[in-house]
């Protein structure tokens, strides 16, 4: 009975959100920025109960080793993490060591 009630309300909320887009902003979850300008957003991480190591793990799954190359990363309403890389020119270049 509980499962049926949860399923009913899930479908009802989705139907109302689809029919009335303005209501969707109130009823549906919005993506939250986990990384902004190459830096972790600790406030969002705390709210979403996600650790820095979990974020780094997701970076590796996206083929990214350094957080500095990420412009933005969002935790989506479905729990997935989407990432937007910085443009190469925006990343601070590392100068090679000077020869002695």
PDB file of N, CA and C in Angstrom:
ATOM      1  N   UNK A   1       0.819  -1.193   0.000  1.00  0.00           N
ATOM      2  CA  UNK A   1       0.000   0.000   0.000  1.00  0.00           C
ATOM      3  C   UNK A   1       0.871   1.268   0.000  1.00  0.00           C
ATOM      4  N   UNK A   2       1.937   1.262   0.805  1.00  0.00           N
ATOM      5  CA  UNK A   2       2.831   2.414   0.873  1.00  0.00           C
ATOM      6  C   UNK A   2       3.519   2.628  -0.471  1.00  0.00           C
ATOM      7  N   UNK A   3       3.941   1.540  -1.098  1.00  0.00           N
ATOM      8  CA  UNK A   3       4.612   1.637  -2.401  1.00  0.00           C
ATOM      9  C   UNK A   3       3.665   2.234  -3.435  1.00  0.00           C
ATOM     10  N   UNK A   4       2.421   1.826  -3.409  1.00  0.00           N
ATOM     11  CA  UNK A   4       1.433   2.358  -4.356  1.00  0.00           C
ATOM     12  C   UNK A   4       1.217   3.854  -4.131  1.00  0.00           C
ATOM     13  N   UNK A   5       1.183   4.284  -2.870  1.00  0.00           N
ATOM     14  CA  UNK A   5       0.997   5.706  -2.568  1.00  0.00           C
ATOM     15  C   UNK A   5       2.192   6.518  -3.050  1.00  0.00           C
ATOM     16  N   UNK A   6       3.390   6.014  -2.816  1.00  0.00           N
ATOM     17  CA  UNK A   6       4.604   6.713  -3.277  1.00  0.00           C
ATOM     18  C   UNK A   6       4.611   6.801  -4.797  1.00  0.00           C
ATOM     19  N   UNK A   7       4.289   5.712  -5.469  1.00  0.00           N
ATOM     20  CA  UNK A   7       4.251   5.690  -6.934  1.00  0.00           C
ATOM     21  C   UNK A   7       3.200   6.668  -7.456  1.00  0.00           C
ATOM     22  N   UNK A   8       2.020   6.663  -6.846  1.00  0.00           N
ATOM     23  CA  UNK A   8       0.955   7.581  -7.265  1.00  0.00           C
ATOM     24  C   UNK A   8       1.414   9.029  -7.153  1.00  0.00           C
ATOM     25  N   UNK A   9       1.969   9.411  -6.002  1.00  0.00           N
ATOM     26  CA  UNK A   9       2.365  10.798  -5.805  1.00  0.00           C
ATOM     27  C   UNK A   9       3.534  11.185  -6.703  1.00  0.00           C
ATOM     28  N   UNK A  10       4.411  10.263  -6.985  1.00  0.00           N
ATOM     29  CA  UNK A  10       5.521  10.539  -7.898  1.00  0.00           C
ATOM     30  C   UNK A  10       4.991  10.849  -9.300  1.00  0.00           C
ATOM     31  N   UNK A  11       4.068  10.035  -9.780  1.00  0.00           N
ATOM     32  CA  UNK A  11       3.477  10.255 -11.104  1.00  0.00           C
ATOM     33  C   UNK A  11       2.653  11.538 -11.105  1.00  0.00           C
ATOM     34  N   UNK A  12       1.916  11.795 -10.042  1.00  0.00           N
ATOM     35  CA  UNK A  12       1.084  13.002  -9.963  1.00  0.00           C
ATOM     36  C   UNK A  12       1.941  14.269 -10.000  1.00  0.00           C
ATOM     37  N   UNK A  13       3.026  14.285  -9.233  1.00  0.00           N
ATOM     38  CA  UNK A  13       3.919  15.451  -9.223  1.00  0.00           C
ATOM     39  C   UNK A  13       4.548  15.646 -10.592  1.00  0.00           C
ATOM     40  N   UNK A  14       4.990  14.567 -11.237  1.00  0.00           N
ATOM     41  CA  UNK A  14       5.578  14.670 -12.575  1.00  0.00           C
ATOM     42  C   UNK A  14       4.558  15.206 -13.579  1.00  0.00           C
ATOM     43  N   UNK A  15       3.318  14.745 -13.494  1.00  0.00           N
ATOM     44  CA  UNK A  15       2.272  15.195 -14.420  1.00  0.00           C
ATOM     45  C   UNK A  15       1.969  16.680 -14.229  1.00  0.00           C
ATOM     46  N   UNK A  16       1.859  17.121 -12.990  1.00  0.00           N
ATOM     47  CA  UNK A  16       1.588  18.535 -12.714  1.00  0.00           C
ATOM     48  C   UNK A  16       2.766  19.395 -13.174  1.00  0.00           C
ATOM     49  N   UNK A  17       3.972  18.949 -12.913  1.00  0.00           N
ATOM     50  CA  UNK A  17       5.159  19.705 -13.325  1.00  0.00           C
ATOM     51  C   UNK A  17       5.253  19.799 -14.841  1.00  0.00           C
ATOM     52  N   UNK A  18       4.863  18.742 -15.542  1.00  0.00           N
ATOM     53  CA  UNK A  18       4.902  18.755 -17.009  1.00  0.00           C
ATOM     54  C   UNK A  18       3.838  19.709 -17.563  1.00  0.00           C
ATOM     55  N   UNK A  19       2.656  19.664 -16.985  1.00  0.00           N
ATOM     56  CA  UNK A  19       1.538  20.470 -17.484  1.00  0.00           C
ATOM     57  C   UNK A  19       1.714  21.950 -17.156  1.00  0.00           C
ATOM     58  N   UNK A  20       2.296  22.250 -16.001  1.00  0.00           N
ATOM     59  CA  UNK A  20       2.453  23.635 -15.545  1.00  0.00           C
ATOM     60  C   UNK A  20       3.934  23.907 -15.238  1.00  0.00           C
ATOM     61  N   UNK A  21       4.694  24.381 -16.230  1.00  0.00           N
ATOM     62  CA  UNK A  21       6.137  24.582 -16.048  1.00  0.00           C
ATOM     63  C   UNK A  21       6.504  25.509 -14.889  1.00  0.00           C
ATOM     64  N   UNK A  22       5.685  26.497 -14.585  1.00  0.00           N
ATOM     65  CA  UNK A  22       6.002  27.391 -13.465  1.00  0.00           C
ATOM     66  C   UNK A  22       5.942  26.658 -12.133  1.00  0.00           C
ATOM     67  N   UNK A  23       5.036  25.695 -12.034  1.00  0.00           N
ATOM     68  CA  UNK A  23       4.920  24.900 -10.814  1.00  0.00           C
ATOM     69  C   UNK A  23       6.108  23.947 -10.705  1.00  0.00           C
ATOM     70  N   UNK A  24       6.657  23.552 -11.852  1.00  0.00           N
ATOM     71  CA  UNK A  24       7.797  22.622 -11.857  1.00  0.00           C
ATOM     72  C   UNK A  24       8.977  23.191 -11.086  1.00  0.00           C
ATOM     73  N   UNK A  25       9.173  24.506 -11.166  1.00  0.00           N
ATOM     74  CA  UNK A  25      10.288  25.129 -10.435  1.00  0.00           C
ATOM     75  C   UNK A  25      10.140  24.949  -8.933  1.00  0.00           C
ATOM     76  N   UNK A  26       8.911  24.855  -8.455  1.00  0.00           N
ATOM     77  CA  UNK A  26       8.671  24.655  -7.026  1.00  0.00           C
ATOM     78  C   UNK A  26       8.713  23.191  -6.622  1.00  0.00           C
ATOM     79  N   UNK A  27       8.238  22.315  -7.504  1.00  0.00           N
ATOM     80  CA  UNK A  27       8.096  20.902  -7.155  1.00  0.00           C
ATOM     81  C   UNK A  27       9.326  20.058  -7.451  1.00  0.00           C
ATOM     82  N   UNK A  28      10.058  20.426  -8.472  1.00  0.00           N
ATOM     83  CA  UNK A  28      11.179  19.602  -8.919  1.00  0.00           C
ATOM     84  C   UNK A  28      12.509  20.134  -8.388  1.00  0.00           C
ATOM     85  N   UNK A  29      13.414  19.223  -8.135  1.00  0.00           N
ATOM     86  CA  UNK A  29      14.757  19.603  -7.677  1.00  0.00           C
ATOM     87  C   UNK A  29      15.525  20.271  -8.816  1.00  0.00           C
ATOM     88  N   UNK A  30      16.429  21.151  -8.457  1.00  0.00           N
ATOM     89  CA  UNK A  30      17.261  21.855  -9.424  1.00  0.00           C
ATOM     90  C   UNK A  30      18.706  21.379  -9.285  1.00  0.00           C
ATOM     91  N   UNK A  31      19.487  21.427 -10.370  1.00  0.00           N
ATOM     92  CA  UNK A  31      20.908  21.080 -10.257  1.00  0.00           C
ATOM     93  C   UNK A  31      21.623  22.035  -9.300  1.00  0.00           C
ATOM     94  N   UNK A  32      22.607  21.518  -8.571  1.00  0.00           N
ATOM     95  CA  UNK A  32      23.384  22.338  -7.630  1.00  0.00           C
ATOM     96  C   UNK A  32      24.853  22.271  -8.027  1.00  0.00           C
ATOM     97  N   UNK A  33      25.533  23.409  -7.968  1.00  0.00           N
ATOM     98  CA  UNK A  33      26.937  23.499  -8.389  1.00  0.00           C
ATOM     99  C   UNK A  33      27.858  22.924  -7.315  1.00  0.00           C
ATOM    100  N   UNK A  34      28.512  21.800  -7.636  1.00  0.00           N
ATOM    101  CA  UNK A  34      29.502  21.198  -6.732  1.00  0.00           C
ATOM    102  C   UNK A  34      30.870  21.854  -6.888  1.00  0.00           C
ATOM    103  N   UNK A  35      31.181  22.235  -8.124  1.00  0.00           N
ATOM    104  CA  UNK A  35      32.462  22.894  -8.412  1.00  0.00           C
ATOM    105  C   UNK A  35      32.158  24.172  -9.180  1.00  0.00           C
ATOM    106  N   UNK A  36      32.789  25.269  -8.737  1.00  0.00           N
ATOM    107  CA  UNK A  36      32.664  26.544  -9.423  1.00  0.00           C
ATOM    108  C   UNK A  36      34.054  27.115  -9.616  1.00  0.00           C
ATOM    109  N   UNK A  37      34.411  27.385 -10.868  1.00  0.00           N
ATOM    110  CA  UNK A  37      35.719  27.951 -11.210  1.00  0.00           C
ATOM    111  C   UNK A  37      36.866  27.123 -10.640  1.00  0.00           C
ATOM    112  N   UNK A  38      36.750  25.812 -10.725  1.00  0.00           N
ATOM    113  CA  UNK A  38      37.830  24.937 -10.286  1.00  0.00           C
ATOM    114  C   UNK A  38      37.939  24.748  -8.785  1.00  0.00           C
ATOM    115  N   UNK A  39      36.928  25.183  -8.026  1.00  0.00           N
ATOM    116  CA  UNK A  39      36.971  25.050  -6.565  1.00  0.00           C
ATOM    117  C   UNK A  39      35.720  24.342  -6.069  1.00  0.00           C
ATOM    118  N   UNK A  40      35.909  23.469  -5.071  1.00  0.00           N
ATOM    119  CA  UNK A  40      34.790  22.741  -4.493  1.00  0.00           C
ATOM    120  C   UNK A  40      33.867  23.691  -3.737  1.00  0.00           C
ATOM    121  N   UNK A  41      32.578  23.485  -3.872  1.00  0.00           N
ATOM    122  CA  UNK A  41      31.581  24.247  -3.135  1.00  0.00           C
ATOM    123  C   UNK A  41      31.191  23.415  -1.911  1.00  0.00           C
ATOM    124  N   UNK A  42      31.838  23.679  -0.799  1.00  0.00           N
ATOM    125  CA  UNK A  42      31.656  22.882   0.427  1.00  0.00           C
ATOM    126  C   UNK A  42      30.227  22.958   0.961  1.00  0.00           C
ATOM    127  N   UNK A  43      29.570  24.090   0.779  1.00  0.00           N
ATOM    128  CA  UNK A  43      28.203  24.243   1.267  1.00  0.00           C
ATOM    129  C   UNK A  43      27.260  23.258   0.569  1.00  0.00           C
ATOM    130  N   UNK A  44      27.379  23.149  -0.743  1.00  0.00           N
ATOM    131  CA  UNK A  44      26.547  22.210  -1.492  1.00  0.00           C
ATOM    132  C   UNK A  44      26.935  20.776  -1.157  1.00  0.00           C
ATOM    133  N   UNK A  45      28.230  20.533  -0.995  1.00  0.00           N
ATOM    134  CA  UNK A  45      28.681  19.183  -0.646  1.00  0.00           C
ATOM    135  C   UNK A  45      28.084  18.744   0.689  1.00  0.00           C
ATOM    136  N   UNK A  46      28.049  19.648   1.644  1.00  0.00           N
ATOM    137  CA  UNK A  46      27.482  19.341   2.950  1.00  0.00           C
ATOM    138  C   UNK A  46      25.982  19.055   2.837  1.00  0.00           C
ATOM    139  N   UNK A  47      25.292  19.877   2.078  1.00  0.00           N
ATOM    140  CA  UNK A  47      23.845  19.703   1.903  1.00  0.00           C
ATOM    141  C   UNK A  47      23.512  18.392   1.185  1.00  0.00           C
ATOM    142  N   UNK A  48      24.343  17.997   0.243  1.00  0.00           N
ATOM    143  CA  UNK A  48      24.091  16.790  -0.543  1.00  0.00           C
ATOM    144  C   UNK A  48      24.758  15.544   0.048  1.00  0.00           C
ATOM    145  N   UNK A  49      25.446  15.693   1.172  1.00  0.00           N
ATOM    146  CA  UNK A  49      26.144  14.575   1.829  1.00  0.00           C
ATOM    147  C   UNK A  49      27.122  13.884   0.877  1.00  0.00           C
ATOM    148  N   UNK A  50      27.965  14.672   0.234  1.00  0.00           N
ATOM    149  CA  UNK A  50      28.956  14.132  -0.685  1.00  0.00           C
ATOM    150  C   UNK A  50      30.332  14.614  -0.245  1.00  0.00           C
ATOM    151  N   UNK A  51      31.298  13.707  -0.263  1.00  0.00           N
ATOM    152  CA  UNK A  51      32.649  14.038   0.194  1.00  0.00           C
ATOM    153  C   UNK A  51      33.514  14.491  -0.979  1.00  0.00           C
ATOM    154  N   UNK A  52      34.644  15.111  -0.659  1.00  0.00           N
ATOM    155  CA  UNK A  52      35.588  15.544  -1.689  1.00  0.00           C
ATOM    156  C   UNK A  52      36.122  14.337  -2.457  1.00  0.00           C
ATOM    157  N   UNK A  53      36.340  13.222  -1.771  1.00  0.00           N
ATOM    158  CA  UNK A  53      36.839  12.022  -2.449  1.00  0.00           C
ATOM    159  C   UNK A  53      35.807  11.476  -3.433  1.00  0.00           C
ATOM    160  N   UNK A  54      34.526  11.569  -3.091  1.00  0.00           N
ATOM    161  CA  UNK A  54      33.483  11.133  -4.031  1.00  0.00           C
ATOM    162  C   UNK A  54      33.443  12.027  -5.267  1.00  0.00           C
ATOM    163  N   UNK A  55      33.661  13.318  -5.073  1.00  0.00           N
ATOM    164  CA  UNK A  55      33.703  14.235  -6.210  1.00  0.00           C
ATOM    165  C   UNK A  55      34.919  13.910  -7.078  1.00  0.00           C
ATOM    166  N   UNK A  56      36.080  13.680  -6.447  1.00  0.00           N
ATOM    167  CA  UNK A  56      37.285  13.328  -7.216  1.00  0.00           C
ATOM    168  C   UNK A  56      37.089  12.013  -7.981  1.00  0.00           C
ATOM    169  N   UNK A  57      36.383  11.075  -7.376  1.00  0.00           N
ATOM    170  CA  UNK A  57      36.089   9.814  -8.045  1.00  0.00           C
ATOM    171  C   UNK A  57      35.254  10.059  -9.302  1.00  0.00           C
ATOM    172  N   UNK A  58      34.268  10.934  -9.199  1.00  0.00           N
ATOM    173  CA  UNK A  58      33.450  11.267 -10.369  1.00  0.00           C
ATOM    174  C   UNK A  58      34.278  12.002 -11.432  1.00  0.00           C
ATOM    175  N   UNK A  59      35.207  12.845 -10.992  1.00  0.00           N
ATOM    176  CA  UNK A  59      36.097  13.513 -11.938  1.00  0.00           C
ATOM    177  C   UNK A  59      36.888  12.476 -12.739  1.00  0.00           C
ATOM    178  N   UNK A  60      37.427  11.483 -12.035  1.00  0.00           N
ATOM    179  CA  UNK A  60      38.196  10.441 -12.713  1.00  0.00           C
ATOM    180  C   UNK A  60      37.339   9.671 -13.706  1.00  0.00           C
ATOM    181  N   UNK A  61      36.074   9.415 -13.361  1.00  0.00           N
ATOM    182  CA  UNK A  61      35.173   8.711 -14.275  1.00  0.00           C
ATOM    183  C   UNK A  61      34.907   9.527 -15.535  1.00  0.00           C
ATOM    184  N   UNK A  62      35.025  10.855 -15.419  1.00  0.00           N
ATOM    185  CA  UNK A  62      34.861  11.738 -16.574  1.00  0.00           C
ATOM    186  C   UNK A  62      36.196  11.989 -17.281  1.00  0.00           C
ATOM    187  N   UNK A  63      37.257  11.323 -16.832  1.00  0.00           N
ATOM    188  CA  UNK A  63      38.565  11.478 -17.462  1.00  0.00           C
ATOM    189  C   UNK A  63      39.291  12.741 -17.047  1.00  0.00           C
ATOM    190  N   UNK A  64      38.979  13.277 -15.894  1.00  0.00           N
ATOM    191  CA  UNK A  64      39.593  14.509 -15.412  1.00  0.00           C
ATOM    192  C   UNK A  64      40.400  14.190 -14.168  1.00  0.00           C
ATOM    193  N   UNK A  65      41.685  14.549 -14.190  1.00  0.00           N
ATOM    194  CA  UNK A  65      42.552  14.277 -13.046  1.00  0.00           C
ATOM    195  C   UNK A  65      42.706  15.465 -12.117  1.00  0.00           C
ATOM    196  N   UNK A  66      42.580  16.679 -12.659  1.00  0.00           N
ATOM    197  CA  UNK A  66      42.814  17.896 -11.867  1.00  0.00           C
ATOM    198  C   UNK A  66      41.532  18.717 -11.795  1.00  0.00           C
ATOM    199  N   UNK A  67      41.132  19.043 -10.591  1.00  0.00           N
ATOM    200  CA  UNK A  67      39.903  19.824 -10.395  1.00  0.00           C
ATOM    201  C   UNK A  67      40.002  21.212 -11.018  1.00  0.00           C
ATOM    202  N   UNK A  68      41.218  21.711 -11.191  1.00  0.00           N
ATOM    203  CA  UNK A  68      41.419  23.053 -11.743  1.00  0.00           C
ATOM    204  C   UNK A  68      40.942  23.168 -13.182  1.00  0.00           C
ATOM    205  N   UNK A  69      40.823  22.064 -13.904  1.00  0.00           N
ATOM    206  CA  UNK A  69      40.372  22.134 -15.300  1.00  0.00           C
ATOM    207  C   UNK A  69      38.854  22.125 -15.426  1.00  0.00           C
ATOM    208  N   UNK A  70      38.150  22.047 -14.291  1.00  0.00           N
ATOM    209  CA  UNK A  70      36.686  22.026 -14.305  1.00  0.00           C
ATOM    210  C   UNK A  70      36.162  23.439 -14.056  1.00  0.00           C
ATOM    211  N   UNK A  71      35.373  23.949 -14.992  1.00  0.00           N
ATOM    212  CA  UNK A  71      34.750  25.254 -14.810  1.00  0.00           C
ATOM    213  C   UNK A  71      33.575  25.117 -13.852  1.00  0.00           C
ATOM    214  N   UNK A  72      32.700  24.177 -14.136  1.00  0.00           N
ATOM    215  CA  UNK A  72      31.539  23.913 -13.281  1.00  0.00           C
ATOM    216  C   UNK A  72      31.230  22.427 -13.285  1.00  0.00           C
ATOM    217  N   UNK A  73      30.757  21.954 -12.146  1.00  0.00           N
ATOM    218  CA  UNK A  73      30.249  20.582 -12.027  1.00  0.00           C
ATOM    219  C   UNK A  73      28.975  20.656 -11.213  1.00  0.00           C
ATOM    220  N   UNK A  74      27.946  20.005 -11.710  1.00  0.00           N
ATOM    221  CA  UNK A  74      26.642  20.047 -11.066  1.00  0.00           C
ATOM    222  C   UNK A  74      26.223  18.655 -10.621  1.00  0.00           C
ATOM    223  N   UNK A  75      25.583  18.583  -9.459  1.00  0.00           N
ATOM    224  CA  UNK A  75      24.905  17.358  -9.079  1.00  0.00           C
ATOM    225  C   UNK A  75      23.464  17.539  -9.549  1.00  0.00           C
ATOM    226  N   UNK A  76      23.055  16.661 -10.444  1.00  0.00           N
ATOM    227  CA  UNK A  76      21.739  16.748 -11.060  1.00  0.00           C
ATOM    228  C   UNK A  76      20.681  16.153 -10.136  1.00  0.00           C
ATOM    229  N   UNK A  77      19.409  16.464 -10.368  1.00  0.00           N
ATOM    230  CA  UNK A  77      18.342  15.929  -9.519  1.00  0.00           C
ATOM    231  C   UNK A  77      18.298  14.399  -9.455  1.00  0.00           C
ATOM    232  N   UNK A  78      18.792  13.733 -10.494  1.00  0.00           N
ATOM    233  CA  UNK A  78      18.786  12.270 -10.489  1.00  0.00           C
ATOM    234  C   UNK A  78      20.022  11.675  -9.815  1.00  0.00           C
ATOM    235  N   UNK A  79      20.913  12.544  -9.280  1.00  0.00           N
ATOM    236  CA  UNK A  79      22.094  12.078  -8.568  1.00  0.00           C
ATOM    237  C   UNK A  79      23.353  12.004  -9.417  1.00  0.00           C
ATOM    238  N   UNK A  80      23.215  12.129 -10.718  1.00  0.00           N
ATOM    239  CA  UNK A  80      24.381  12.113 -11.605  1.00  0.00           C
ATOM    240  C   UNK A  80      25.130  13.434 -11.475  1.00  0.00           C
ATOM    241  N   UNK A  81      26.427  13.404 -11.813  1.00  0.00           N
ATOM    242  CA  UNK A  81      27.233  14.624 -11.780  1.00  0.00           C
ATOM    243  C   UNK A  81      27.652  14.953 -13.204  1.00  0.00           C
ATOM    244  N   UNK A  82      27.322  16.174 -13.645  1.00  0.00           N
ATOM    245  CA  UNK A  82      27.722  16.631 -14.971  1.00  0.00           C
ATOM    246  C   UNK A  82      28.826  17.670 -14.811  1.00  0.00           C
ATOM    247  N   UNK A  83      29.757  17.673 -15.766  1.00  0.00           N
ATOM    248  CA  UNK A  83      30.921  18.558 -15.656  1.00  0.00           C
ATOM    249  C   UNK A  83      31.131  19.352 -16.934  1.00  0.00           C
ATOM    250  N   UNK A  84      31.570  20.576 -16.744  1.00  0.00           N
ATOM    251  CA  UNK A  84      31.916  21.456 -17.853  1.00  0.00           C
ATOM    252  C   UNK A  84      33.370  21.853 -17.657  1.00  0.00           C
ATOM    253  N   UNK A  85      34.196  21.509 -18.640  1.00  0.00           N
ATOM    254  CA  UNK A  85      35.630  21.838 -18.553  1.00  0.00           C
ATOM    255  C   UNK A  85      35.862  23.303 -18.869  1.00  0.00           C
ATOM    256  N   UNK A  86      36.956  23.815 -18.320  1.00  0.00           N
ATOM    257  CA  UNK A  86      37.379  25.172 -18.653  1.00  0.00           C
ATOM    258  C   UNK A  86      37.963  25.177 -20.061  1.00  0.00           C
ATOM    259  N   UNK A  87      37.920  26.333 -20.672  1.00  0.00           N
ATOM    260  CA  UNK A  87      38.596  26.518 -21.950  1.00  0.00           C
ATOM    261  C   UNK A  87      40.082  26.550 -21.656  1.00  0.00           C
ATOM    262  N   UNK A  88      40.883  25.975 -22.497  1.00  0.00           N
ATOM    263  CA  UNK A  88      42.332  25.858 -22.245  1.00  0.00           C
ATOM    264  C   UNK A  88      42.987  27.180 -21.865  1.00  0.00           C
ATOM    265  N   UNK A  89      42.561  28.284 -22.475  1.00  0.00           N
ATOM    266  CA  UNK A  89      43.180  29.580 -22.195  1.00  0.00           C
ATOM    267  C   UNK A  89      42.876  30.054 -20.778  1.00  0.00           C
ATOM    268  N   UNK A  90      41.788  29.559 -20.182  1.00  0.00           N
ATOM    269  CA  UNK A  90      41.420  29.990 -18.838  1.00  0.00           C
ATOM    270  C   UNK A  90      42.243  29.300 -17.758  1.00  0.00           C
ATOM    271  N   UNK A  91      42.836  28.174 -18.089  1.00  0.00           N
ATOM    272  CA  UNK A  91      43.625  27.424 -17.117  1.00  0.00           C
ATOM    273  C   UNK A  91      44.987  28.094 -17.002  1.00  0.00           C
ATOM    274  N   UNK A  92      45.400  28.374 -15.789  1.00  0.00           N
ATOM    275  CA  UNK A  92      46.678  29.028 -15.584  1.00  0.00           C
ATOM    276  C   UNK A  92      47.803  28.095 -16.024  1.00  0.00           C
ATOM    277  N   UNK A  93      48.644  28.553 -16.936  1.00  0.00           N
ATOM    278  CA  UNK A  93      49.731  27.688 -17.391  1.00  0.00           C
ATOM    279  C   UNK A  93      50.793  27.498 -16.307  1.00  0.00           C
ATOM    280  N   UNK A  94      51.323  26.312 -16.266  1.00  0.00           N
ATOM    281  CA  UNK A  94      52.405  26.020 -15.328  1.00  0.00           C
ATOM    282  C   UNK A  94      53.709  26.253 -16.050  1.00  0.00           C
ATOM    283  N   UNK A  95      54.530  27.136 -15.480  1.00  0.00           N
ATOM    284  CA  UNK A  95      55.812  27.445 -16.137  1.00  0.00           C
ATOM    285  C   UNK A  95      56.812  26.343 -15.841  1.00  0.00           C
ATOM    286  N   UNK A  96      57.576  25.935 -16.851  1.00  0.00           N
ATOM    287  CA  UNK A  96      58.584  24.911 -16.609  1.00  0.00           C
ATOM    288  C   UNK A  96      59.698  25.441 -15.712  1.00  0.00           C
ATOM    289  N   UNK A  97      60.341  24.556 -14.955  1.00  0.00           N
ATOM    290  CA  UNK A  97      61.438  25.013 -14.089  1.00  0.00           C
ATOM    291  C   UNK A  97      62.587  25.599 -14.923  1.00  0.00           C
ATOM    292  N   UNK A  98      63.225  26.613 -14.377  1.00  0.00           N
ATOM    293  CA  UNK A  98      64.338  27.255 -15.058  1.00  0.00           C
ATOM    294  C   UNK A  98      65.598  26.394 -14.925  1.00  0.00           C
ATOM    295  N   UNK A  99      66.338  26.309 -16.015  1.00  0.00           N
ATOM    296  CA  UNK A  99      67.600  25.563 -16.007  1.00  0.00           C
ATOM    297  C   UNK A  99      68.651  26.359 -15.245  1.00  0.00           C
ATOM    298  N   UNK A 100      69.466  25.669 -14.485  1.00  0.00           N
ATOM    299  CA  UNK A 100      70.506  26.348 -13.700  1.00  0.00           C
ATOM    300  C   UNK A 100      71.764  26.537 -14.458  1.00  0.00           C
TER     301      UNK A 100
END
